[in-house]
Amino acid sequence: MTQTLAPTKRPKAPPLLFLRKFLKHGRRVASFAPSSRPLASAMCRHVSATTPQTILELGAGTGAVTVVAASRMHPKSRLVALEIDPHFCRVLRQQCPRAEVICADVSDLPHQLERLGIDRCDMLLNGLPTPSLPRSLNAIVLRSFQQFAPEALFCQLTVMPWVYKPTYERLFEDVRFRLVVRNVPPGGVYFCRRLRADYANHLPGPDRAAPPVAPPADQF
């Protein structure tokens, strides 16, 4: 007799999950849907297949960018994906087993990097809604970037093309933008290098404490 196995319970479909989180938490979730393949590809255009890299991704969501980065990177590269939402982390681990998925708040970034033994990053893929984050969180992200990745490439995803270019130009010495029309809504990526000496005087975001980004897993 052939034994029938019970179907494995899988995470919720990523697009529906994104929409529900966006409707509940608004600007604390960067978008109402995962990044399109063209936008994820643009974000990962500097991921190298020939040179080992240490790649850090913040706000990894359900893995749209993570999967592309993992498919392009060198076999000896290290990809660390930080995501606070437990539902997203569950899907992310299934979508991209090559990534080291860390379920933590970005405020804990310095501790997490030290815990993982990371003292240098080659690239930061930032999916966080930087202009909407509290200034205190942006301070932690950029201070960590300065400490662990002063010569690295800072790749910032956006779904509001060009709107925040002056913001990033006040933070970085070199800022270039790549438009991606094939995304809903149209978006793009800022590629930034070398924090300015006075970047701390131009941190974006409201000056308030950071609210929790998402509820515990059993509340959804």
N, C-alpha and C. Protein backbone atom coordinates (compact mmCIF):
# COMPACT_ATOMS: atom_id res chain seq x y z
N MET A 1 0.84 -1.20 0.00
CA MET A 1 0.00 0.00 0.00
C MET A 1 0.88 1.25 0.00
N THR A 2 0.54 2.18 -0.81
CA THR A 2 1.29 3.43 -0.88
C THR A 2 0.81 4.38 0.20
N GLN A 3 1.78 4.85 1.00
CA GLN A 3 1.42 5.77 2.08
C GLN A 3 1.28 7.18 1.53
N THR A 4 0.19 7.83 1.87
CA THR A 4 -0.03 9.21 1.45
C THR A 4 0.46 10.16 2.53
N LEU A 5 1.42 10.99 2.19
CA LEU A 5 1.98 11.92 3.15
C LEU A 5 1.14 13.19 3.20
N ALA A 6 0.99 13.73 4.38
CA ALA A 6 0.26 14.99 4.53
C ALA A 6 1.05 16.10 3.86
N PRO A 7 0.39 17.00 3.17
CA PRO A 7 1.11 18.08 2.50
C PRO A 7 1.84 18.97 3.50
N THR A 8 3.03 19.41 3.12
CA THR A 8 3.80 20.29 3.97
C THR A 8 3.16 21.67 4.00
N LYS A 9 3.02 22.22 5.20
CA LYS A 9 2.45 23.55 5.32
C LYS A 9 3.46 24.58 4.86
N ARG A 10 3.09 25.41 3.91
CA ARG A 10 3.99 26.39 3.34
C ARG A 10 3.59 27.79 3.80
N PRO A 11 4.55 28.75 3.79
CA PRO A 11 4.22 30.12 4.17
C PRO A 11 3.18 30.73 3.22
N LYS A 12 2.53 31.79 3.68
CA LYS A 12 1.56 32.49 2.85
C LYS A 12 2.22 33.03 1.59
N ALA A 13 1.44 33.16 0.52
CA ALA A 13 1.98 33.68 -0.73
C ALA A 13 2.55 35.08 -0.50
N PRO A 14 3.80 35.32 -0.92
CA PRO A 14 4.44 36.61 -0.67
C PRO A 14 3.66 37.84 -1.09
N PRO A 15 3.05 37.91 -2.30
CA PRO A 15 2.34 39.15 -2.66
C PRO A 15 1.21 39.48 -1.69
N LEU A 16 0.41 38.49 -1.31
CA LEU A 16 -0.69 38.71 -0.38
C LEU A 16 -0.15 39.14 0.98
N LEU A 17 0.91 38.50 1.42
CA LEU A 17 1.49 38.82 2.71
C LEU A 17 1.99 40.26 2.72
N PHE A 18 2.67 40.70 1.66
CA PHE A 18 3.15 42.07 1.56
C PHE A 18 1.98 43.06 1.64
N LEU A 19 0.93 42.78 0.89
CA LEU A 19 -0.20 43.69 0.86
C LEU A 19 -0.84 43.83 2.23
N ARG A 20 -1.00 42.73 2.93
CA ARG A 20 -1.62 42.77 4.24
C ARG A 20 -0.76 43.54 5.23
N LYS A 21 0.54 43.33 5.16
CA LYS A 21 1.44 44.08 6.05
C LYS A 21 1.42 45.57 5.72
N PHE A 22 1.40 45.88 4.42
CA PHE A 22 1.41 47.29 4.01
C PHE A 22 0.14 48.00 4.48
N LEU A 23 -1.00 47.34 4.32
CA LEU A 23 -2.26 47.95 4.73
C LEU A 23 -2.31 48.15 6.25
N LYS A 24 -1.68 47.26 6.98
CA LYS A 24 -1.71 47.34 8.45
C LYS A 24 -0.68 48.32 8.99
N HIS A 25 0.53 48.36 8.34
CA HIS A 25 1.63 49.12 8.93
C HIS A 25 2.10 50.29 8.09
N GLY A 26 1.51 50.49 6.92
CA GLY A 26 1.79 51.68 6.11
C GLY A 26 3.26 51.83 5.78
N ARG A 27 3.83 53.01 6.08
CA ARG A 27 5.19 53.33 5.66
C ARG A 27 6.26 52.51 6.35
N ARG A 28 5.89 51.78 7.40
CA ARG A 28 6.88 50.93 8.05
C ARG A 28 7.21 49.72 7.19
N VAL A 29 6.37 49.41 6.20
CA VAL A 29 6.69 48.41 5.18
C VAL A 29 6.92 49.19 3.89
N ALA A 30 8.04 48.93 3.22
CA ALA A 30 8.49 49.81 2.13
C ALA A 30 7.53 49.84 0.95
N SER A 31 6.79 48.75 0.69
CA SER A 31 5.95 48.70 -0.50
C SER A 31 4.80 47.73 -0.26
N PHE A 32 3.77 47.81 -1.12
CA PHE A 32 2.63 46.90 -0.97
C PHE A 32 2.84 45.58 -1.69
N ALA A 33 3.98 45.41 -2.38
CA ALA A 33 4.28 44.17 -3.09
C ALA A 33 5.79 43.97 -3.12
N PRO A 34 6.25 42.72 -3.26
CA PRO A 34 7.68 42.48 -3.39
C PRO A 34 8.24 43.18 -4.63
N SER A 35 9.53 43.47 -4.61
CA SER A 35 10.17 44.09 -5.77
C SER A 35 10.05 43.18 -6.99
N SER A 36 9.86 43.80 -8.16
CA SER A 36 9.81 43.03 -9.40
C SER A 36 11.18 42.46 -9.72
N ARG A 37 11.20 41.49 -10.63
CA ARG A 37 12.48 40.92 -11.04
C ARG A 37 13.40 41.99 -11.65
N PRO A 38 12.90 42.89 -12.51
CA PRO A 38 13.79 43.93 -13.04
C PRO A 38 14.36 44.84 -11.96
N LEU A 39 13.55 45.18 -10.95
CA LEU A 39 14.05 46.04 -9.88
C LEU A 39 15.07 45.30 -9.02
N ALA A 40 14.79 44.04 -8.72
CA ALA A 40 15.75 43.23 -7.95
C ALA A 40 17.05 43.04 -8.72
N SER A 41 16.95 42.86 -10.02
CA SER A 41 18.15 42.70 -10.85
C SER A 41 18.98 43.97 -10.86
N ALA A 42 18.31 45.13 -10.94
CA ALA A 42 19.03 46.40 -10.90
C ALA A 42 19.72 46.57 -9.55
N MET A 43 19.06 46.20 -8.49
CA MET A 43 19.63 46.30 -7.15
C MET A 43 20.91 45.47 -7.02
N CYS A 44 20.95 44.34 -7.73
CA CYS A 44 22.06 43.39 -7.60
C CYS A 44 23.06 43.47 -8.75
N ARG A 45 23.04 44.55 -9.51
CA ARG A 45 23.87 44.61 -10.71
C ARG A 45 25.36 44.58 -10.40
N HIS A 46 25.76 44.91 -9.16
CA HIS A 46 27.18 44.89 -8.80
C HIS A 46 27.57 43.67 -7.96
N VAL A 47 26.64 42.74 -7.81
CA VAL A 47 26.98 41.47 -7.17
C VAL A 47 27.86 40.70 -8.14
N SER A 48 29.01 40.23 -7.66
CA SER A 48 30.00 39.62 -8.54
C SER A 48 29.95 38.09 -8.52
N ALA A 49 30.01 37.53 -9.71
CA ALA A 49 30.08 36.07 -9.84
C ALA A 49 31.52 35.57 -9.83
N THR A 50 32.48 36.48 -9.93
CA THR A 50 33.89 36.10 -10.06
C THR A 50 34.73 36.46 -8.84
N THR A 51 34.20 37.30 -7.95
CA THR A 51 34.94 37.72 -6.77
C THR A 51 34.13 37.46 -5.51
N PRO A 52 34.68 36.76 -4.52
CA PRO A 52 33.94 36.56 -3.26
C PRO A 52 33.65 37.89 -2.58
N GLN A 53 32.43 38.04 -2.10
CA GLN A 53 32.00 39.27 -1.42
C GLN A 53 31.23 38.92 -0.15
N THR A 54 31.25 39.85 0.77
CA THR A 54 30.35 39.79 1.93
C THR A 54 29.26 40.81 1.68
N ILE A 55 28.03 40.32 1.52
CA ILE A 55 26.90 41.16 1.14
C ILE A 55 25.91 41.20 2.29
N LEU A 56 25.52 42.40 2.68
CA LEU A 56 24.54 42.58 3.74
C LEU A 56 23.27 43.18 3.14
N GLU A 57 22.13 42.55 3.42
CA GLU A 57 20.85 43.07 2.96
C GLU A 57 20.00 43.45 4.16
N LEU A 58 19.45 44.65 4.14
CA LEU A 58 18.57 45.12 5.21
C LEU A 58 17.15 45.24 4.68
N GLY A 59 16.18 44.78 5.47
CA GLY A 59 14.79 44.81 5.02
C GLY A 59 14.58 43.84 3.86
N ALA A 60 14.98 42.60 4.07
CA ALA A 60 14.99 41.62 2.98
C ALA A 60 13.60 41.18 2.55
N GLY A 61 12.58 41.42 3.38
CA GLY A 61 11.23 41.03 2.99
C GLY A 61 11.11 39.53 2.77
N THR A 62 10.48 39.14 1.68
CA THR A 62 10.31 37.72 1.37
C THR A 62 11.35 37.21 0.37
N GLY A 63 12.34 38.04 0.05
CA GLY A 63 13.49 37.52 -0.70
C GLY A 63 13.56 37.85 -2.17
N ALA A 64 12.81 38.82 -2.67
CA ALA A 64 12.87 39.15 -4.09
C ALA A 64 14.30 39.54 -4.51
N VAL A 65 14.92 40.40 -3.70
CA VAL A 65 16.31 40.80 -3.99
C VAL A 65 17.28 39.72 -3.55
N THR A 66 17.01 39.10 -2.43
CA THR A 66 17.89 38.08 -1.87
C THR A 66 18.13 36.94 -2.86
N VAL A 67 17.06 36.47 -3.48
CA VAL A 67 17.16 35.35 -4.43
C VAL A 67 18.04 35.72 -5.62
N VAL A 68 17.89 36.94 -6.13
CA VAL A 68 18.72 37.38 -7.26
C VAL A 68 20.17 37.49 -6.84
N ALA A 69 20.42 38.09 -5.67
CA ALA A 69 21.80 38.22 -5.18
C ALA A 69 22.45 36.85 -5.02
N ALA A 70 21.72 35.91 -4.44
CA ALA A 70 22.26 34.57 -4.23
C ALA A 70 22.55 33.85 -5.54
N SER A 71 21.72 34.08 -6.55
CA SER A 71 21.91 33.41 -7.84
C SER A 71 23.10 33.97 -8.60
N ARG A 72 23.50 35.21 -8.29
CA ARG A 72 24.58 35.86 -9.03
C ARG A 72 25.92 35.80 -8.31
N MET A 73 25.92 35.62 -7.00
CA MET A 73 27.15 35.79 -6.25
C MET A 73 28.11 34.61 -6.42
N HIS A 74 29.36 34.86 -6.11
CA HIS A 74 30.42 33.85 -6.14
C HIS A 74 30.10 32.74 -5.13
N PRO A 75 30.47 31.50 -5.42
CA PRO A 75 30.17 30.40 -4.49
C PRO A 75 30.73 30.62 -3.08
N LYS A 76 31.81 31.40 -2.97
CA LYS A 76 32.41 31.65 -1.65
C LYS A 76 31.94 32.97 -1.04
N SER A 77 30.99 33.64 -1.68
CA SER A 77 30.44 34.87 -1.11
C SER A 77 29.54 34.54 0.08
N ARG A 78 29.35 35.54 0.92
CA ARG A 78 28.49 35.40 2.10
C ARG A 78 27.37 36.44 1.99
N LEU A 79 26.14 35.97 2.12
CA LEU A 79 24.97 36.84 2.01
C LEU A 79 24.19 36.78 3.32
N VAL A 80 24.15 37.91 4.02
CA VAL A 80 23.43 38.01 5.30
C VAL A 80 22.21 38.90 5.09
N ALA A 81 21.02 38.37 5.35
CA ALA A 81 19.77 39.10 5.14
C ALA A 81 19.10 39.37 6.47
N LEU A 82 18.95 40.65 6.81
CA LEU A 82 18.33 41.05 8.07
C LEU A 82 16.87 41.46 7.81
N GLU A 83 15.96 40.88 8.56
CA GLU A 83 14.53 41.17 8.39
C GLU A 83 13.86 41.04 9.75
N ILE A 84 13.03 42.01 10.12
CA ILE A 84 12.42 41.99 11.44
C ILE A 84 11.14 41.16 11.49
N ASP A 85 10.42 41.06 10.38
CA ASP A 85 9.11 40.41 10.41
C ASP A 85 9.23 38.89 10.38
N PRO A 86 8.69 38.19 11.37
CA PRO A 86 8.85 36.74 11.43
C PRO A 86 8.19 36.00 10.26
N HIS A 87 7.03 36.52 9.75
CA HIS A 87 6.39 35.89 8.60
C HIS A 87 7.30 36.00 7.38
N PHE A 88 7.84 37.18 7.14
CA PHE A 88 8.74 37.38 6.01
C PHE A 88 9.96 36.48 6.14
N CYS A 89 10.51 36.36 7.35
CA CYS A 89 11.69 35.52 7.57
C CYS A 89 11.41 34.06 7.23
N ARG A 90 10.22 33.62 7.57
CA ARG A 90 9.84 32.23 7.31
C ARG A 90 9.84 31.96 5.80
N VAL A 91 9.24 32.88 5.04
CA VAL A 91 9.22 32.73 3.59
C VAL A 91 10.63 32.88 3.01
N LEU A 92 11.37 33.84 3.54
CA LEU A 92 12.71 34.12 3.06
C LEU A 92 13.64 32.91 3.18
N ARG A 93 13.57 32.23 4.31
CA ARG A 93 14.42 31.05 4.51
C ARG A 93 14.08 29.96 3.50
N GLN A 94 12.81 29.84 3.17
CA GLN A 94 12.41 28.83 2.20
C GLN A 94 12.81 29.25 0.79
N GLN A 95 12.65 30.55 0.48
CA GLN A 95 12.96 31.04 -0.85
C GLN A 95 14.45 31.02 -1.16
N CYS A 96 15.27 31.25 -0.14
CA CYS A 96 16.70 31.44 -0.39
C CYS A 96 17.54 30.77 0.69
N PRO A 97 17.74 29.47 0.60
CA PRO A 97 18.52 28.76 1.63
C PRO A 97 20.00 29.15 1.66
N ARG A 98 20.50 29.80 0.61
CA ARG A 98 21.91 30.21 0.60
C ARG A 98 22.16 31.42 1.49
N ALA A 99 21.13 32.14 1.83
CA ALA A 99 21.29 33.34 2.65
C ALA A 99 21.26 32.98 4.14
N GLU A 100 22.01 33.76 4.92
CA GLU A 100 21.93 33.67 6.37
C GLU A 100 20.85 34.67 6.80
N VAL A 101 19.70 34.16 7.15
CA VAL A 101 18.56 35.02 7.49
C VAL A 101 18.58 35.31 8.98
N ILE A 102 18.62 36.59 9.32
CA ILE A 102 18.63 37.03 10.72
C ILE A 102 17.34 37.77 10.99
N CYS A 103 16.53 37.26 11.91
CA CYS A 103 15.28 37.90 12.27
C CYS A 103 15.56 38.85 13.43
N ALA A 104 15.76 40.12 13.10
CA ALA A 104 16.14 41.10 14.11
C ALA A 104 15.82 42.50 13.62
N ASP A 105 15.74 43.42 14.56
CA ASP A 105 15.52 44.83 14.26
C ASP A 105 16.83 45.45 13.81
N VAL A 106 16.75 46.41 12.91
CA VAL A 106 17.96 47.06 12.41
C VAL A 106 18.68 47.83 13.52
N SER A 107 17.98 48.16 14.59
CA SER A 107 18.64 48.83 15.71
C SER A 107 19.69 47.92 16.36
N ASP A 108 19.58 46.62 16.11
CA ASP A 108 20.52 45.64 16.67
C ASP A 108 21.62 45.29 15.67
N LEU A 109 21.73 46.06 14.59
CA LEU A 109 22.67 45.73 13.51
C LEU A 109 24.11 45.60 13.97
N PRO A 110 24.68 46.55 14.73
CA PRO A 110 26.08 46.39 15.14
C PRO A 110 26.32 45.10 15.92
N HIS A 111 25.42 44.78 16.84
CA HIS A 111 25.56 43.55 17.62
C HIS A 111 25.49 42.32 16.72
N GLN A 112 24.56 42.30 15.77
CA GLN A 112 24.41 41.16 14.89
C GLN A 112 25.65 40.95 14.03
N LEU A 113 26.24 42.02 13.52
CA LEU A 113 27.45 41.89 12.71
C LEU A 113 28.61 41.34 13.55
N GLU A 114 28.73 41.84 14.77
CA GLU A 114 29.79 41.33 15.65
C GLU A 114 29.54 39.87 16.00
N ARG A 115 28.29 39.53 16.27
CA ARG A 115 27.93 38.15 16.61
C ARG A 115 28.27 37.19 15.47
N LEU A 116 28.10 37.64 14.23
CA LEU A 116 28.37 36.81 13.06
C LEU A 116 29.83 36.83 12.66
N GLY A 117 30.64 37.60 13.38
CA GLY A 117 32.05 37.67 13.06
C GLY A 117 32.35 38.46 11.80
N ILE A 118 31.48 39.39 11.45
CA ILE A 118 31.66 40.19 10.24
C ILE A 118 32.32 41.51 10.62
N ASP A 119 33.52 41.75 10.10
CA ASP A 119 34.21 43.01 10.37
C ASP A 119 34.38 43.85 9.10
N ARG A 120 33.86 43.32 7.98
CA ARG A 120 33.96 44.05 6.72
C ARG A 120 32.85 43.60 5.78
N CYS A 121 32.19 44.55 5.14
CA CYS A 121 31.18 44.25 4.12
C CYS A 121 31.60 44.89 2.81
N ASP A 122 31.30 44.22 1.72
CA ASP A 122 31.62 44.74 0.40
C ASP A 122 30.45 45.47 -0.24
N MET A 123 29.25 45.17 0.23
CA MET A 123 28.06 45.76 -0.38
C MET A 123 26.90 45.71 0.61
N LEU A 124 26.13 46.81 0.63
CA LEU A 124 24.92 46.83 1.45
C LEU A 124 23.74 47.05 0.53
N LEU A 125 22.80 46.10 0.54
CA LEU A 125 21.56 46.20 -0.23
C LEU A 125 20.47 46.64 0.72
N ASN A 126 20.02 47.87 0.58
CA ASN A 126 19.09 48.43 1.56
C ASN A 126 17.67 48.52 1.00
N GLY A 127 16.81 47.65 1.52
CA GLY A 127 15.40 47.68 1.14
C GLY A 127 14.53 48.40 2.14
N LEU A 128 15.15 48.99 3.17
CA LEU A 128 14.38 49.73 4.17
C LEU A 128 13.90 51.06 3.59
N PRO A 129 12.74 51.54 4.04
CA PRO A 129 12.24 52.85 3.57
C PRO A 129 12.97 53.98 4.29
N THR A 130 14.20 54.23 3.91
CA THR A 130 15.10 55.13 4.64
C THR A 130 14.49 56.49 4.99
N PRO A 131 13.87 57.22 4.05
CA PRO A 131 13.33 58.55 4.40
C PRO A 131 12.22 58.49 5.45
N SER A 132 11.56 57.34 5.59
CA SER A 132 10.46 57.21 6.55
C SER A 132 10.90 56.66 7.89
N LEU A 133 12.11 56.12 7.96
CA LEU A 133 12.60 55.56 9.21
C LEU A 133 12.91 56.67 10.21
N PRO A 134 12.77 56.40 11.49
CA PRO A 134 13.20 57.38 12.49
C PRO A 134 14.68 57.72 12.29
N ARG A 135 15.01 58.97 12.55
CA ARG A 135 16.40 59.42 12.36
C ARG A 135 17.37 58.59 13.19
N SER A 136 16.94 58.14 14.34
CA SER A 136 17.82 57.34 15.20
C SER A 136 18.21 56.03 14.54
N LEU A 137 17.28 55.41 13.79
CA LEU A 137 17.60 54.16 13.10
C LEU A 137 18.53 54.41 11.92
N ASN A 138 18.28 55.50 11.18
CA ASN A 138 19.18 55.82 10.08
C ASN A 138 20.59 56.10 10.60
N ALA A 139 20.69 56.68 11.77
CA ALA A 139 22.00 56.92 12.37
C ALA A 139 22.73 55.60 12.63
N ILE A 140 22.00 54.60 13.13
CA ILE A 140 22.61 53.30 13.39
C ILE A 140 23.06 52.63 12.10
N VAL A 141 22.20 52.66 11.07
CA VAL A 141 22.54 52.04 9.79
C VAL A 141 23.79 52.68 9.19
N LEU A 142 23.82 54.00 9.12
CA LEU A 142 24.93 54.68 8.47
C LEU A 142 26.21 54.64 9.32
N ARG A 143 26.06 54.67 10.62
CA ARG A 143 27.24 54.52 11.49
C ARG A 143 27.83 53.13 11.33
N SER A 144 26.99 52.11 11.23
CA SER A 144 27.47 50.74 11.00
C SER A 144 28.12 50.62 9.63
N PHE A 145 27.51 51.26 8.64
CA PHE A 145 28.09 51.25 7.29
C PHE A 145 29.47 51.89 7.30
N GLN A 146 29.62 53.00 8.01
CA GLN A 146 30.91 53.66 8.10
C GLN A 146 31.94 52.79 8.80
N GLN A 147 31.51 52.04 9.81
CA GLN A 147 32.42 51.21 10.58
C GLN A 147 32.81 49.93 9.85
N PHE A 148 31.82 49.25 9.25
CA PHE A 148 32.06 47.94 8.67
C PHE A 148 32.26 47.95 7.16
N ALA A 149 31.90 49.06 6.51
CA ALA A 149 31.95 49.06 5.04
C ALA A 149 32.25 50.44 4.48
N PRO A 150 33.32 51.10 4.93
CA PRO A 150 33.58 52.49 4.50
C PRO A 150 33.82 52.64 3.01
N GLU A 151 34.33 51.60 2.35
CA GLU A 151 34.61 51.67 0.91
C GLU A 151 33.58 50.88 0.09
N ALA A 152 32.55 50.38 0.75
CA ALA A 152 31.58 49.52 0.08
C ALA A 152 30.57 50.34 -0.71
N LEU A 153 29.78 49.62 -1.50
CA LEU A 153 28.70 50.22 -2.27
C LEU A 153 27.41 50.13 -1.47
N PHE A 154 26.74 51.27 -1.32
CA PHE A 154 25.47 51.35 -0.61
C PHE A 154 24.37 51.43 -1.67
N CYS A 155 23.58 50.36 -1.79
CA CYS A 155 22.54 50.28 -2.83
C CYS A 155 21.18 50.48 -2.15
N GLN A 156 20.50 51.54 -2.51
CA GLN A 156 19.23 51.90 -1.88
C GLN A 156 18.08 51.75 -2.85
N LEU A 157 17.16 50.85 -2.54
CA LEU A 157 15.97 50.65 -3.37
C LEU A 157 14.97 51.76 -3.11
N THR A 158 14.26 52.20 -4.16
CA THR A 158 13.22 53.21 -4.00
C THR A 158 12.07 52.95 -4.97
N VAL A 159 10.86 53.34 -4.56
CA VAL A 159 9.71 53.29 -5.47
C VAL A 159 9.22 54.72 -5.73
N MET A 160 10.09 55.71 -5.46
CA MET A 160 9.78 57.12 -5.74
C MET A 160 10.98 57.71 -6.48
N PRO A 161 11.10 57.43 -7.77
CA PRO A 161 12.29 57.82 -8.54
C PRO A 161 12.64 59.30 -8.41
N TRP A 162 13.91 59.56 -8.14
CA TRP A 162 14.51 60.90 -8.10
C TRP A 162 14.06 61.78 -6.93
N VAL A 163 12.96 61.45 -6.27
CA VAL A 163 12.43 62.34 -5.23
C VAL A 163 13.45 62.60 -4.13
N TYR A 164 14.16 61.54 -3.72
CA TYR A 164 15.07 61.66 -2.59
C TYR A 164 16.54 61.75 -3.00
N LYS A 165 16.80 62.01 -4.27
CA LYS A 165 18.19 62.10 -4.71
C LYS A 165 18.97 63.16 -3.92
N PRO A 166 18.42 64.37 -3.69
CA PRO A 166 19.16 65.36 -2.88
C PRO A 166 19.48 64.85 -1.47
N THR A 167 18.58 64.02 -0.92
CA THR A 167 18.81 63.46 0.41
C THR A 167 20.08 62.62 0.43
N TYR A 168 20.20 61.72 -0.56
CA TYR A 168 21.38 60.85 -0.61
C TYR A 168 22.63 61.62 -1.00
N GLU A 169 22.48 62.68 -1.77
CA GLU A 169 23.64 63.49 -2.14
C GLU A 169 24.18 64.27 -0.95
N ARG A 170 23.34 64.53 0.04
CA ARG A 170 23.83 65.18 1.26
C ARG A 170 24.55 64.19 2.17
N LEU A 171 24.29 62.90 1.96
CA LEU A 171 24.90 61.86 2.80
C LEU A 171 26.18 61.29 2.18
N PHE A 172 26.19 61.14 0.85
CA PHE A 172 27.29 60.46 0.16
C PHE A 172 27.98 61.38 -0.84
N GLU A 173 29.26 61.13 -1.08
CA GLU A 173 30.02 61.92 -2.04
C GLU A 173 29.67 61.56 -3.48
N ASP A 174 29.36 60.30 -3.72
CA ASP A 174 29.06 59.83 -5.08
C ASP A 174 27.71 59.13 -5.08
N VAL A 175 26.74 59.69 -5.82
CA VAL A 175 25.39 59.12 -5.88
C VAL A 175 24.96 59.01 -7.33
N ARG A 176 24.59 57.80 -7.74
CA ARG A 176 24.09 57.57 -9.09
C ARG A 176 22.76 56.86 -9.00
N PHE A 177 21.87 57.17 -9.95
CA PHE A 177 20.53 56.59 -9.90
C PHE A 177 20.24 55.81 -11.17
N ARG A 178 19.61 54.65 -11.00
CA ARG A 178 19.20 53.81 -12.13
C ARG A 178 17.69 53.62 -12.07
N LEU A 179 16.99 54.10 -13.09
CA LEU A 179 15.54 54.00 -13.15
C LEU A 179 15.11 52.60 -13.59
N VAL A 180 14.05 52.09 -12.96
CA VAL A 180 13.46 50.81 -13.34
C VAL A 180 11.96 51.04 -13.55
N VAL A 181 11.55 51.12 -14.80
CA VAL A 181 10.15 51.38 -15.13
C VAL A 181 9.30 50.14 -14.93
N ARG A 182 9.89 48.97 -15.16
CA ARG A 182 9.13 47.72 -15.09
C ARG A 182 8.99 47.25 -13.65
N ASN A 183 8.31 48.04 -12.87
CA ASN A 183 8.00 47.72 -11.48
C ASN A 183 6.69 48.43 -11.16
N VAL A 184 5.94 47.91 -10.19
CA VAL A 184 4.68 48.55 -9.80
C VAL A 184 4.78 48.95 -8.32
N PRO A 185 4.89 50.27 -8.04
CA PRO A 185 5.02 51.39 -8.98
C PRO A 185 6.45 51.43 -9.55
N PRO A 186 6.67 52.26 -10.61
CA PRO A 186 8.03 52.40 -11.13
C PRO A 186 8.99 52.81 -10.01
N GLY A 187 10.19 52.28 -10.07
CA GLY A 187 11.15 52.54 -9.00
C GLY A 187 12.56 52.69 -9.54
N GLY A 188 13.50 52.36 -8.71
CA GLY A 188 14.90 52.46 -9.12
C GLY A 188 15.83 52.20 -7.96
N VAL A 189 17.11 52.40 -8.21
CA VAL A 189 18.13 52.13 -7.20
C VAL A 189 19.13 53.29 -7.18
N TYR A 190 19.44 53.76 -5.97
CA TYR A 190 20.54 54.70 -5.78
C TYR A 190 21.80 53.90 -5.45
N PHE A 191 22.88 54.16 -6.18
CA PHE A 191 24.16 53.53 -5.90
C PHE A 191 25.06 54.61 -5.30
N CYS A 192 25.42 54.44 -4.04
CA CYS A 192 26.12 55.49 -3.30
C CYS A 192 27.46 54.98 -2.76
N ARG A 193 28.43 55.88 -2.74
CA ARG A 193 29.75 55.55 -2.18
C ARG A 193 30.26 56.69 -1.32
N ARG A 194 30.99 56.34 -0.29
CA ARG A 194 31.74 57.26 0.57
C ARG A 194 30.85 58.27 1.28
N LEU A 195 30.58 57.98 2.53
CA LEU A 195 29.82 58.91 3.35
C LEU A 195 30.57 60.23 3.49
N ARG A 196 29.84 61.32 3.43
CA ARG A 196 30.45 62.63 3.62
C ARG A 196 30.86 62.80 5.08
N ALA A 197 31.84 63.65 5.32
CA ALA A 197 32.33 63.87 6.68
C ALA A 197 31.23 64.39 7.60
N ASP A 198 30.30 65.16 7.06
CA ASP A 198 29.23 65.74 7.87
C ASP A 198 27.89 65.04 7.68
N TYR A 199 27.91 63.77 7.26
CA TYR A 199 26.66 63.07 6.97
C TYR A 199 25.71 63.07 8.16
N ALA A 200 26.25 63.01 9.38
CA ALA A 200 25.41 62.93 10.57
C ALA A 200 24.55 64.18 10.75
N ASN A 201 24.93 65.27 10.10
CA ASN A 201 24.13 66.50 10.18
C ASN A 201 22.95 66.50 9.20
N HIS A 202 22.87 65.48 8.36
CA HIS A 202 21.85 65.46 7.31
C HIS A 202 21.03 64.16 7.32
N LEU A 203 20.95 63.52 8.45
CA LEU A 203 20.22 62.27 8.54
C LEU A 203 18.74 62.48 8.23
N PRO A 204 18.16 61.67 7.34
CA PRO A 204 16.73 61.80 7.03
C PRO A 204 15.87 61.12 8.08
N GLY A 205 14.58 61.37 8.00
CA GLY A 205 13.63 60.68 8.86
C GLY A 205 13.13 61.52 10.00
N PRO A 206 11.94 61.19 10.51
CA PRO A 206 11.37 61.91 11.66
C PRO A 206 12.18 61.65 12.92
N ASP A 207 12.23 62.62 13.78
CA ASP A 207 12.99 62.52 15.02
C ASP A 207 12.09 61.95 16.11
N ARG A 208 11.92 60.63 16.06
CA ARG A 208 11.04 59.96 17.02
C ARG A 208 11.53 58.55 17.24
N ALA A 209 11.02 57.92 18.27
CA ALA A 209 11.41 56.54 18.57
C ALA A 209 10.84 55.62 17.51
N ALA A 210 11.51 54.49 17.30
CA ALA A 210 11.09 53.54 16.28
C ALA A 210 9.95 52.66 16.80
N PRO A 211 8.80 52.62 16.10
CA PRO A 211 7.72 51.71 16.49
C PRO A 211 8.05 50.31 16.00
N PRO A 212 7.44 49.29 16.59
CA PRO A 212 7.65 47.95 16.06
C PRO A 212 7.14 47.85 14.63
N VAL A 213 7.89 47.18 13.77
CA VAL A 213 7.55 47.11 12.35
C VAL A 213 6.42 46.14 12.10
N ALA A 214 6.32 45.09 12.87
CA ALA A 214 5.30 44.09 12.60
C ALA A 214 4.93 43.38 13.90
N PRO A 215 3.73 42.82 13.96
CA PRO A 215 3.30 42.10 15.15
C PRO A 215 3.96 40.73 15.21
N PRO A 216 3.91 40.06 16.36
CA PRO A 216 4.39 38.68 16.44
C PRO A 216 3.66 37.80 15.43
N ALA A 217 4.27 36.68 15.08
CA ALA A 217 3.75 35.84 14.02
C ALA A 217 2.34 35.33 14.29
N ASP A 218 1.99 35.11 15.57
CA ASP A 218 0.68 34.51 15.85
C ASP A 218 -0.45 35.53 15.81
N GLN A 219 -0.15 36.80 15.46
CA GLN A 219 -1.22 37.78 15.40
C GLN A 219 -1.74 38.01 13.99
N PHE A 220 -1.18 37.35 13.00
CA PHE A 220 -1.62 37.57 11.63
C PHE A 220 -2.31 36.33 11.09
